[in-house]
Amino acid sequence: MQFFFVQHGKVKITVTSEQGKEAVVAVLGAGQFFGEGCLSGHVVRLSTATALTQCSITRIPKAEIIGVIHKEPAFAELFISHLLARNSRVEEDLVDQLFNSSEKRLARTLLLLANFGKEGEPEPILAKISQETLADMVGTTRSRVSAFMNKFRKLGLINYNGHIEVHRSLLNVVLHEKPQINS
């Protein structure tokens, strides 16, 4: 089994149902890991990774990563931080799916893809992400994504012409009437 580290580029992680329906469960960028399931004993991969942009990805054998985790406390801390962040993101995605409209889910997805909330300035979404892929990420149809993208563009919340540029004002779509979550 293998473990992977994205040095640069964007990778989408998908799962497919028995009926053939595909869902995008994550879009990963530089500095992120995938394939952690091998560490918990999964023999069969549950997801598929596909490059969205030109990527440089390091493949690390399971035994090697386990050795580094045991011998290098700094790496172990980094890896645990990654796992906790991934777990939090999965919880946020589940809450988003359960409680928010597809319009809000699309707005949140665009903000996440543009790196809003991370260090530094938000970036244009350079990966060639189709409306079909966005629909898979949001859990709606391509036609609804198209309608929302046109609405966001008309309202000046985004620009798109070859790449998507997300404006801060799109945050208002996500923040308006956000559900209260008790931990």
C-alpha atoms as a PDB file:
ATOM      1  CA  MET A   1       0.000   0.000   0.000  1.00  0.00           C
ATOM      2  CA  GLN A   2       1.109   3.530  -0.762  1.00  0.00           C
ATOM      3  CA  PHE A   3       0.789   6.926   0.810  1.00  0.00           C
ATOM      4  CA  PHE A   4       1.070  10.146  -1.240  1.00  0.00           C
ATOM      5  CA  PHE A   5       2.169  13.754  -0.733  1.00  0.00           C
ATOM      6  CA  VAL A   6       1.233  16.561  -3.146  1.00  0.00           C
ATOM      7  CA  GLN A   7       4.334  18.707  -3.712  1.00  0.00           C
ATOM      8  CA  HIS A   8       2.547  21.033  -6.147  1.00  0.00           C
ATOM      9  CA  GLY A   9      -0.605  21.028  -8.227  1.00  0.00           C
ATOM     10  CA  LYS A  10      -4.240  20.177  -7.535  1.00  0.00           C
ATOM     11  CA  VAL A  11      -5.703  16.679  -7.166  1.00  0.00           C
ATOM     12  CA  LYS A  12      -9.351  15.692  -6.867  1.00  0.00           C
ATOM     13  CA  ILE A  13     -10.365  12.742  -4.737  1.00  0.00           C
ATOM     14  CA  THR A  14     -13.506  10.916  -5.866  1.00  0.00           C
ATOM     15  CA  VAL A  15     -15.584   7.964  -4.744  1.00  0.00           C
ATOM     16  CA  THR A  16     -17.941   5.977  -6.948  1.00  0.00           C
ATOM     17  CA  SER A  17     -21.118   4.192  -5.876  1.00  0.00           C
ATOM     18  CA  GLU A  18     -22.031   0.683  -7.000  1.00  0.00           C
ATOM     19  CA  GLN A  19     -24.448   2.331  -9.460  1.00  0.00           C
ATOM     20  CA  GLY A  20     -21.568   4.306 -11.001  1.00  0.00           C
ATOM     21  CA  LYS A  21     -22.417   7.716  -9.478  1.00  0.00           C
ATOM     22  CA  GLU A  22     -19.235   9.672  -8.799  1.00  0.00           C
ATOM     23  CA  ALA A  23     -18.808  12.214  -6.004  1.00  0.00           C
ATOM     24  CA  VAL A  24     -15.864  14.558  -5.501  1.00  0.00           C
ATOM     25  CA  VAL A  25     -14.985  14.371  -1.800  1.00  0.00           C
ATOM     26  CA  ALA A  26     -11.916  16.614  -1.790  1.00  0.00           C
ATOM     27  CA  VAL A  27      -9.671  18.800  -3.878  1.00  0.00           C
ATOM     28  CA  LEU A  28      -6.135  18.748  -2.500  1.00  0.00           C
ATOM     29  CA  GLY A  29      -3.258  21.103  -3.112  1.00  0.00           C
ATOM     30  CA  ALA A  30       0.424  21.448  -2.332  1.00  0.00           C
ATOM     31  CA  GLY A  31       1.434  20.241   1.124  1.00  0.00           C
ATOM     32  CA  GLN A  32      -1.447  17.804   1.511  1.00  0.00           C
ATOM     33  CA  PHE A  33      -1.456  14.025   1.866  1.00  0.00           C
ATOM     34  CA  PHE A  34      -3.766  11.337   0.534  1.00  0.00           C
ATOM     35  CA  GLY A  35      -3.909   7.575   0.789  1.00  0.00           C
ATOM     36  CA  GLU A  36      -3.885   7.628   4.603  1.00  0.00           C
ATOM     37  CA  GLY A  37      -6.301   4.689   4.570  1.00  0.00           C
ATOM     38  CA  CYS A  38      -3.339   2.379   4.030  1.00  0.00           C
ATOM     39  CA  LEU A  39      -2.165   3.233   7.562  1.00  0.00           C
ATOM     40  CA  SER A  40      -5.394   1.937   9.094  1.00  0.00           C
ATOM     41  CA  GLY A  41      -5.199  -1.371   7.282  1.00  0.00           C
ATOM     42  CA  HIS A  42      -7.473  -0.695   4.302  1.00  0.00           C
ATOM     43  CA  VAL A  43      -6.452  -3.189   1.659  1.00  0.00           C
ATOM     44  CA  VAL A  44      -8.796  -1.813  -0.996  1.00  0.00           C
ATOM     45  CA  ARG A  45      -8.674   1.854  -1.977  1.00  0.00           C
ATOM     46  CA  LEU A  46     -11.960   3.581  -1.274  1.00  0.00           C
ATOM     47  CA  SER A  47     -11.291   6.594  -3.506  1.00  0.00           C
ATOM     48  CA  THR A  48      -9.552   7.632  -6.704  1.00  0.00           C
ATOM     49  CA  ALA A  49      -7.113  10.527  -7.085  1.00  0.00           C
ATOM     50  CA  THR A  50      -7.025  12.439 -10.387  1.00  0.00           C
ATOM     51  CA  ALA A  51      -4.731  15.352 -11.251  1.00  0.00           C
ATOM     52  CA  LEU A  52      -6.621  18.554 -12.049  1.00  0.00           C
ATOM     53  CA  THR A  53      -3.447  20.461 -12.930  1.00  0.00           C
ATOM     54  CA  GLN A  54       0.117  19.506 -13.624  1.00  0.00           C
ATOM     55  CA  CYS A  55       1.292  17.884 -10.380  1.00  0.00           C
ATOM     56  CA  SER A  56       4.344  16.636  -8.603  1.00  0.00           C
ATOM     57  CA  ILE A  57       3.351  13.875  -6.198  1.00  0.00           C
ATOM     58  CA  THR A  58       5.626  11.824  -3.981  1.00  0.00           C
ATOM     59  CA  ARG A  59       4.694   8.198  -3.370  1.00  0.00           C
ATOM     60  CA  ILE A  60       5.763   6.871   0.023  1.00  0.00           C
ATOM     61  CA  PRO A  61       5.534   3.171   0.972  1.00  0.00           C
ATOM     62  CA  LYS A  62       3.444   2.429   4.069  1.00  0.00           C
ATOM     63  CA  ALA A  63       6.388   1.005   6.041  1.00  0.00           C
ATOM     64  CA  GLU A  64       8.470   4.104   5.342  1.00  0.00           C
ATOM     65  CA  ILE A  65       5.791   6.541   6.480  1.00  0.00           C
ATOM     66  CA  ILE A  66       5.185   4.542   9.670  1.00  0.00           C
ATOM     67  CA  GLY A  67       8.924   4.642  10.382  1.00  0.00           C
ATOM     68  CA  VAL A  68       9.083   8.417   9.871  1.00  0.00           C
ATOM     69  CA  ILE A  69       6.062   8.950  12.134  1.00  0.00           C
ATOM     70  CA  HIS A  70       7.807   6.986  14.924  1.00  0.00           C
ATOM     71  CA  LYS A  71      11.265   8.532  14.481  1.00  0.00           C
ATOM     72  CA  GLU A  72      10.501  12.166  13.600  1.00  0.00           C
ATOM     73  CA  PRO A  73       8.315  14.007  16.130  1.00  0.00           C
ATOM     74  CA  ALA A  74       8.121  17.132  13.931  1.00  0.00           C
ATOM     75  CA  PHE A  75       6.752  15.088  11.037  1.00  0.00           C
ATOM     76  CA  ALA A  76       4.372  13.191  13.329  1.00  0.00           C
ATOM     77  CA  GLU A  77       3.022  16.535  14.575  1.00  0.00           C
ATOM     78  CA  LEU A  78       2.599  17.803  10.996  1.00  0.00           C
ATOM     79  CA  PHE A  79       0.832  14.602   9.998  1.00  0.00           C
ATOM     80  CA  ILE A  80      -1.512  14.665  13.008  1.00  0.00           C
ATOM     81  CA  SER A  81      -2.350  18.308  12.188  1.00  0.00           C
ATOM     82  CA  HIS A  82      -3.153  17.217   8.635  1.00  0.00           C
ATOM     83  CA  LEU A  83      -5.436  14.423   9.860  1.00  0.00           C
ATOM     84  CA  LEU A  84      -7.240  16.708  12.309  1.00  0.00           C
ATOM     85  CA  ALA A  85      -7.725  19.379   9.627  1.00  0.00           C
ATOM     86  CA  ARG A  86      -9.022  16.745   7.194  1.00  0.00           C
ATOM     87  CA  ASN A  87     -11.422  15.412   9.858  1.00  0.00           C
ATOM     88  CA  SER A  88     -12.709  18.935  10.583  1.00  0.00           C
ATOM     89  CA  ARG A  89     -13.173  19.565   6.864  1.00  0.00           C
ATOM     90  CA  VAL A  90     -15.165  16.340   6.470  1.00  0.00           C
ATOM     91  CA  GLU A  91     -17.416  17.384   9.389  1.00  0.00           C
ATOM     92  CA  GLU A  92     -17.901  20.841   7.840  1.00  0.00           C
ATOM     93  CA  ASP A  93     -18.704  19.261   4.467  1.00  0.00           C
ATOM     94  CA  LEU A  94     -21.286  16.976   6.089  1.00  0.00           C
ATOM     95  CA  VAL A  95     -22.939  19.885   7.919  1.00  0.00           C
ATOM     96  CA  ASP A  96     -22.898  21.874   4.668  1.00  0.00           C
ATOM     97  CA  GLN A  97     -24.542  18.992   2.778  1.00  0.00           C
ATOM     98  CA  LEU A  98     -27.190  18.451   5.447  1.00  0.00           C
ATOM     99  CA  PHE A  99     -28.193  22.031   6.200  1.00  0.00           C
ATOM    100  CA  ASN A 100     -27.342  24.335   3.292  1.00  0.00           C
ATOM    101  CA  SER A 101     -28.872  24.919  -0.129  1.00  0.00           C
ATOM    102  CA  SER A 102     -26.948  23.905  -3.225  1.00  0.00           C
ATOM    103  CA  GLU A 103     -26.343  27.620  -3.921  1.00  0.00           C
ATOM    104  CA  LYS A 104     -24.608  28.066  -0.549  1.00  0.00           C
ATOM    105  CA  ARG A 105     -22.690  24.803  -1.021  1.00  0.00           C
ATOM    106  CA  LEU A 106     -21.403  26.034  -4.384  1.00  0.00           C
ATOM    107  CA  ALA A 107     -20.392  29.397  -2.881  1.00  0.00           C
ATOM    108  CA  ARG A 108     -18.517  27.596  -0.059  1.00  0.00           C
ATOM    109  CA  THR A 109     -16.827  25.246  -2.533  1.00  0.00           C
ATOM    110  CA  LEU A 110     -15.638  28.161  -4.687  1.00  0.00           C
ATOM    111  CA  LEU A 111     -14.296  29.965  -1.610  1.00  0.00           C
ATOM    112  CA  LEU A 112     -12.433  26.834  -0.477  1.00  0.00           C
ATOM    113  CA  LEU A 113     -10.978  26.255  -3.958  1.00  0.00           C
ATOM    114  CA  ALA A 114      -9.745  29.870  -3.996  1.00  0.00           C
ATOM    115  CA  ASN A 115      -8.068  29.312  -0.590  1.00  0.00           C
ATOM    116  CA  PHE A 116     -10.206  31.827   1.318  1.00  0.00           C
ATOM    117  CA  GLY A 117      -9.487  31.563   5.027  1.00  0.00           C
ATOM    118  CA  LYS A 118      -5.934  30.323   4.545  1.00  0.00           C
ATOM    119  CA  GLU A 119      -2.738  32.310   4.949  1.00  0.00           C
ATOM    120  CA  GLY A 120      -2.013  34.810   2.196  1.00  0.00           C
ATOM    121  CA  GLU A 121      -4.337  36.271  -0.378  1.00  0.00           C
ATOM    122  CA  PRO A 122      -7.053  34.239  -2.092  1.00  0.00           C
ATOM    123  CA  GLU A 123      -5.969  32.923  -5.493  1.00  0.00           C
ATOM    124  CA  PRO A 124      -7.778  32.501  -8.796  1.00  0.00           C
ATOM    125  CA  ILE A 125      -8.945  28.914  -9.310  1.00  0.00           C
ATOM    126  CA  LEU A 126      -6.508  27.919 -12.037  1.00  0.00           C
ATOM    127  CA  ALA A 127      -7.432  24.260 -12.257  1.00  0.00           C
ATOM    128  CA  LYS A 128      -9.741  23.457 -15.141  1.00  0.00           C
ATOM    129  CA  ILE A 129     -12.711  22.593 -12.973  1.00  0.00           C
ATOM    130  CA  SER A 130     -15.766  21.929 -15.082  1.00  0.00           C
ATOM    131  CA  GLN A 131     -19.296  22.713 -14.021  1.00  0.00           C
ATOM    132  CA  GLU A 132     -19.847  18.944 -13.957  1.00  0.00           C
ATOM    133  CA  THR A 133     -17.020  18.552 -11.408  1.00  0.00           C
ATOM    134  CA  LEU A 134     -18.413  21.436  -9.357  1.00  0.00           C
ATOM    135  CA  ALA A 135     -21.821  19.728  -9.456  1.00  0.00           C
ATOM    136  CA  ASP A 136     -20.215  16.493  -8.200  1.00  0.00           C
ATOM    137  CA  MET A 137     -18.544  18.420  -5.382  1.00  0.00           C
ATOM    138  CA  VAL A 138     -21.726  20.252  -4.375  1.00  0.00           C
ATOM    139  CA  GLY A 139     -24.164  17.379  -4.823  1.00  0.00           C
ATOM    140  CA  THR A 140     -26.382  18.970  -7.453  1.00  0.00           C
ATOM    141  CA  THR A 141     -26.799  19.055 -11.226  1.00  0.00           C
ATOM    142  CA  ARG A 142     -24.573  20.783 -13.758  1.00  0.00           C
ATOM    143  CA  SER A 143     -27.503  22.934 -14.903  1.00  0.00           C
ATOM    144  CA  ARG A 144     -28.038  24.262 -11.349  1.00  0.00           C
ATOM    145  CA  VAL A 145     -24.299  25.003 -11.050  1.00  0.00           C
ATOM    146  CA  SER A 146     -24.462  26.841 -14.377  1.00  0.00           C
ATOM    147  CA  ALA A 147     -27.424  28.922 -13.176  1.00  0.00           C
ATOM    148  CA  PHE A 148     -25.701  29.782  -9.877  1.00  0.00           C
ATOM    149  CA  MET A 149     -22.394  30.609 -11.610  1.00  0.00           C
ATOM    150  CA  ASN A 150     -24.233  32.995 -13.947  1.00  0.00           C
ATOM    151  CA  LYS A 151     -26.047  34.540 -10.982  1.00  0.00           C
ATOM    152  CA  PHE A 152     -22.769  34.952  -9.039  1.00  0.00           C
ATOM    153  CA  ARG A 153     -21.134  36.538 -12.096  1.00  0.00           C
ATOM    154  CA  LYS A 154     -24.059  38.958 -12.681  1.00  0.00           C
ATOM    155  CA  LEU A 155     -23.907  39.974  -9.005  1.00  0.00           C
ATOM    156  CA  GLY A 156     -20.148  40.629  -9.292  1.00  0.00           C
ATOM    157  CA  LEU A 157     -19.292  37.862  -6.813  1.00  0.00           C
ATOM    158  CA  ILE A 158     -17.049  36.004  -9.278  1.00  0.00           C
ATOM    159  CA  ASN A 159     -15.379  36.441 -12.653  1.00  0.00           C
ATOM    160  CA  TYR A 160     -14.722  33.541 -14.923  1.00  0.00           C
ATOM    161  CA  ASN A 161     -13.144  33.380 -18.325  1.00  0.00           C
ATOM    162  CA  GLY A 162     -10.704  30.463 -18.524  1.00  0.00           C
ATOM    163  CA  HIS A 163     -10.294  30.518 -14.745  1.00  0.00           C
ATOM    164  CA  ILE A 164     -12.545  31.427 -11.850  1.00  0.00           C
ATOM    165  CA  GLU A 165     -11.756  34.492  -9.762  1.00  0.00           C
ATOM    166  CA  VAL A 166     -13.672  34.609  -6.498  1.00  0.00           C
ATOM    167  CA  HIS A 167     -14.365  37.962  -4.823  1.00  0.00           C
ATOM    168  CA  ARG A 168     -14.605  38.463  -1.060  1.00  0.00           C
ATOM    169  CA  SER A 169     -18.240  39.468  -1.473  1.00  0.00           C
ATOM    170  CA  LEU A 170     -19.105  35.791  -2.155  1.00  0.00           C
ATOM    171  CA  LEU A 171     -18.527  35.217   1.567  1.00  0.00           C
ATOM    172  CA  ASN A 172     -21.849  36.974   2.195  1.00  0.00           C
ATOM    173  CA  VAL A 173     -23.680  34.143   0.405  1.00  0.00           C
ATOM    174  CA  VAL A 174     -22.117  31.578   2.759  1.00  0.00           C
ATOM    175  CA  LEU A 175     -22.283  33.618   5.962  1.00  0.00           C
ATOM    176  CA  HIS A 176     -25.907  34.700   5.574  1.00  0.00           C
ATOM    177  CA  GLU A 177     -28.132  32.556   7.830  1.00  0.00           C
ATOM    178  CA  LYS A 178     -25.368  30.107   8.743  1.00  0.00           C
ATOM    179  CA  PRO A 179     -26.765  27.231  10.890  1.00  0.00           C
ATOM    180  CA  GLN A 180     -25.790  27.087  14.566  1.00  0.00           C
ATOM    181  CA  ILE A 181     -23.737  23.998  15.433  1.00  0.00           C
ATOM    182  CA  ASN A 182     -23.216  22.917  19.033  1.00  0.00           C
ATOM    183  CA  SER A 183     -20.069  20.934  19.712  1.00  0.00           C
END
